Amino acid sequence: MQNVTSTPPKHRTVISTFVNASALGSTAVVNAIAGKSIRVVSAAIVTTLANNVKFLSAATDISATWPLGANGGIVLPYNDHGWVQTAEGEALNINLSVATATGVHIEYIAV
């Protein structure tokens, strides 16, 4: 059996960015890009207190909620196909259930 996958576009610039979120609720990680979606291809999130963390496309959930322990985190290794993707023209946000220092580092492509 052969599996063939083609995930356009193949040649895009991978952009690295981070945010140090600390507010309860939604914080912008990447501002909206007109006519484009934001596809997260890798991420690392670390929080100082127990916290439920998830990605949003503007105000819509686009990931599971990850319950992280105090000083815990999650790493999503590089994935050509992406882990999450916003709707076209919407910002990528992170949502925290607790107001605590949370480091979010992502790599993304605009598609």
C-alpha atoms as a PDB file:
ATOM      1  CA  MET A   1       0.000   0.000   0.000  1.00  0.00           C
ATOM      2  CA  GLN A   2       1.288   3.432  -0.884  1.00  0.00           C
ATOM      3  CA  ASN A   3       0.312   6.716   0.765  1.00  0.00           C
ATOM      4  CA  VAL A   4       0.907   9.894  -1.174  1.00  0.00           C
ATOM      5  CA  THR A   5       0.196  13.281   0.290  1.00  0.00           C
ATOM      6  CA  SER A   6       0.545  16.646  -1.339  1.00  0.00           C
ATOM      7  CA  THR A   7      -0.006  19.621   0.896  1.00  0.00           C
ATOM      8  CA  PRO A   8       0.175  22.786  -1.150  1.00  0.00           C
ATOM      9  CA  PRO A   9       1.950  25.077  -0.995  1.00  0.00           C
ATOM     10  CA  LYS A  10       5.289  23.298  -0.853  1.00  0.00           C
ATOM     11  CA  HIS A  11       7.622  26.301  -0.811  1.00  0.00           C
ATOM     12  CA  ARG A  12       6.700  28.913   1.779  1.00  0.00           C
ATOM     13  CA  THR A  13       8.764  30.991   4.152  1.00  0.00           C
ATOM     14  CA  VAL A  14       8.499  29.700   7.708  1.00  0.00           C
ATOM     15  CA  ILE A  15       8.143  32.587  10.142  1.00  0.00           C
ATOM     16  CA  SER A  16       9.109  32.302  13.798  1.00  0.00           C
ATOM     17  CA  THR A  17       7.439  34.416  16.477  1.00  0.00           C
ATOM     18  CA  PHE A  18       6.568  34.371  20.154  1.00  0.00           C
ATOM     19  CA  VAL A  19       4.345  35.999  22.720  1.00  0.00           C
ATOM     20  CA  ASN A  20       4.585  36.099  26.498  1.00  0.00           C
ATOM     21  CA  ALA A  21       0.913  35.895  27.377  1.00  0.00           C
ATOM     22  CA  SER A  22      -0.291  36.491  30.909  1.00  0.00           C
ATOM     23  CA  ALA A  23      -3.919  37.592  30.627  1.00  0.00           C
ATOM     24  CA  LEU A  24      -6.932  35.397  31.241  1.00  0.00           C
ATOM     25  CA  GLY A  25      -8.682  34.723  27.928  1.00  0.00           C
ATOM     26  CA  SER A  26      -7.474  35.456  24.420  1.00  0.00           C
ATOM     27  CA  THR A  27      -4.098  36.961  23.441  1.00  0.00           C
ATOM     28  CA  ALA A  28      -2.977  37.601  19.840  1.00  0.00           C
ATOM     29  CA  VAL A  29      -0.019  35.512  18.680  1.00  0.00           C
ATOM     30  CA  VAL A  30      -0.120  36.516  14.991  1.00  0.00           C
ATOM     31  CA  ASN A  31      -2.248  39.364  13.652  1.00  0.00           C
ATOM     32  CA  ALA A  32      -4.661  38.655  10.813  1.00  0.00           C
ATOM     33  CA  ILE A  33      -3.188  38.646   7.303  1.00  0.00           C
ATOM     34  CA  ALA A  34      -5.617  39.846   4.634  1.00  0.00           C
ATOM     35  CA  GLY A  35      -6.519  37.038   2.239  1.00  0.00           C
ATOM     36  CA  LYS A  36      -4.339  34.465   4.029  1.00  0.00           C
ATOM     37  CA  SER A  37      -4.676  31.778   6.678  1.00  0.00           C
ATOM     38  CA  ILE A  38      -2.055  31.193   9.350  1.00  0.00           C
ATOM     39  CA  ARG A  39      -0.885  27.572   9.506  1.00  0.00           C
ATOM     40  CA  VAL A  40       1.088  26.658  12.646  1.00  0.00           C
ATOM     41  CA  VAL A  41       3.807  24.154  11.706  1.00  0.00           C
ATOM     42  CA  SER A  42       5.467  23.930  15.151  1.00  0.00           C
ATOM     43  CA  ALA A  43       4.868  25.284  18.631  1.00  0.00           C
ATOM     44  CA  ALA A  44       6.124  25.249  22.202  1.00  0.00           C
ATOM     45  CA  ILE A  45       4.024  26.456  25.129  1.00  0.00           C
ATOM     46  CA  VAL A  46       5.123  26.635  28.787  1.00  0.00           C
ATOM     47  CA  THR A  47       3.016  27.972  31.669  1.00  0.00           C
ATOM     48  CA  THR A  48       3.946  28.845  35.260  1.00  0.00           C
ATOM     49  CA  LEU A  49       0.659  27.763  36.895  1.00  0.00           C
ATOM     50  CA  ALA A  50      -1.765  24.972  36.016  1.00  0.00           C
ATOM     51  CA  ASN A  51      -3.560  26.267  32.946  1.00  0.00           C
ATOM     52  CA  ASN A  52      -5.859  25.127  30.128  1.00  0.00           C
ATOM     53  CA  VAL A  53      -4.461  26.393  26.832  1.00  0.00           C
ATOM     54  CA  LYS A  54      -5.871  26.330  23.277  1.00  0.00           C
ATOM     55  CA  PHE A  55      -5.411  28.018  19.904  1.00  0.00           C
ATOM     56  CA  LEU A  56      -8.149  30.147  18.352  1.00  0.00           C
ATOM     57  CA  SER A  57      -8.891  31.490  14.879  1.00  0.00           C
ATOM     58  CA  ALA A  58     -10.080  34.924  16.043  1.00  0.00           C
ATOM     59  CA  ALA A  59     -12.665  33.687  18.611  1.00  0.00           C
ATOM     60  CA  THR A  60     -13.218  30.138  17.257  1.00  0.00           C
ATOM     61  CA  ASP A  61     -11.449  27.104  18.750  1.00  0.00           C
ATOM     62  CA  ILE A  62      -9.054  25.431  16.298  1.00  0.00           C
ATOM     63  CA  SER A  63      -7.278  23.101  18.731  1.00  0.00           C
ATOM     64  CA  ALA A  64      -8.066  20.876  21.620  1.00  0.00           C
ATOM     65  CA  THR A  65      -7.776  22.365  25.092  1.00  0.00           C
ATOM     66  CA  TRP A  66      -4.488  21.236  26.604  1.00  0.00           C
ATOM     67  CA  PRO A  67      -4.533  21.030  30.419  1.00  0.00           C
ATOM     68  CA  LEU A  68      -0.986  21.911  31.464  1.00  0.00           C
ATOM     69  CA  GLY A  69       0.407  21.475  34.970  1.00  0.00           C
ATOM     70  CA  ALA A  70       2.318  24.150  36.869  1.00  0.00           C
ATOM     71  CA  ASN A  71       5.629  24.812  35.077  1.00  0.00           C
ATOM     72  CA  GLY A  72       4.411  22.395  32.422  1.00  0.00           C
ATOM     73  CA  GLY A  73       4.175  22.676  28.706  1.00  0.00           C
ATOM     74  CA  ILE A  74       3.645  21.104  25.338  1.00  0.00           C
ATOM     75  CA  VAL A  75       5.797  20.886  22.211  1.00  0.00           C
ATOM     76  CA  LEU A  76       4.336  20.348  18.769  1.00  0.00           C
ATOM     77  CA  PRO A  77       7.313  19.380  16.572  1.00  0.00           C
ATOM     78  CA  TYR A  78       7.659  20.563  12.988  1.00  0.00           C
ATOM     79  CA  ASN A  79       4.849  19.231  10.816  1.00  0.00           C
ATOM     80  CA  ASP A  80       4.707  20.083   7.077  1.00  0.00           C
ATOM     81  CA  HIS A  81       0.936  19.685   7.140  1.00  0.00           C
ATOM     82  CA  GLY A  82       0.519  21.996  10.122  1.00  0.00           C
ATOM     83  CA  TRP A  83      -1.068  21.504  13.524  1.00  0.00           C
ATOM     84  CA  VAL A  84      -3.768  24.168  13.313  1.00  0.00           C
ATOM     85  CA  GLN A  85      -4.846  26.738  10.744  1.00  0.00           C
ATOM     86  CA  THR A  86      -6.893  29.902  11.054  1.00  0.00           C
ATOM     87  CA  ALA A  87      -9.742  30.854   8.783  1.00  0.00           C
ATOM     88  CA  GLU A  88      -8.709  33.188   5.970  1.00  0.00           C
ATOM     89  CA  GLY A  89      -8.111  36.725   7.209  1.00  0.00           C
ATOM     90  CA  GLU A  90      -8.347  35.826  10.921  1.00  0.00           C
ATOM     91  CA  ALA A  91      -5.769  36.305  13.664  1.00  0.00           C
ATOM     92  CA  LEU A  92      -4.140  33.397  15.487  1.00  0.00           C
ATOM     93  CA  ASN A  93      -4.844  33.707  19.209  1.00  0.00           C
ATOM     94  CA  ILE A  94      -3.954  31.710  22.298  1.00  0.00           C
ATOM     95  CA  ASN A  95      -6.507  31.316  25.096  1.00  0.00           C
ATOM     96  CA  LEU A  96      -5.496  30.871  28.746  1.00  0.00           C
ATOM     97  CA  SER A  97      -7.819  29.701  31.516  1.00  0.00           C
ATOM     98  CA  VAL A  98      -5.633  31.338  34.188  1.00  0.00           C
ATOM     99  CA  ALA A  99      -3.930  34.733  34.267  1.00  0.00           C
ATOM    100  CA  THR A 100      -0.319  33.565  34.564  1.00  0.00           C
ATOM    101  CA  ALA A 101       2.948  33.931  32.673  1.00  0.00           C
ATOM    102  CA  THR A 102       2.796  31.663  29.628  1.00  0.00           C
ATOM    103  CA  GLY A 103       5.440  31.553  26.913  1.00  0.00           C
ATOM    104  CA  VAL A 104       4.226  30.712  23.419  1.00  0.00           C
ATOM    105  CA  HIS A 105       6.699  30.209  20.576  1.00  0.00           C
ATOM    106  CA  ILE A 106       5.437  29.198  17.142  1.00  0.00           C
ATOM    107  CA  GLU A 107       6.587  28.764  13.599  1.00  0.00           C
ATOM    108  CA  TYR A 108       3.991  29.352  10.892  1.00  0.00           C
ATOM    109  CA  ILE A 109       3.389  29.844   7.199  1.00  0.00           C
ATOM    110  CA  ALA A 110       0.826  32.087   5.533  1.00  0.00           C
ATOM    111  CA  VAL A 111      -1.300  30.141   3.046  1.00  0.00           C
END
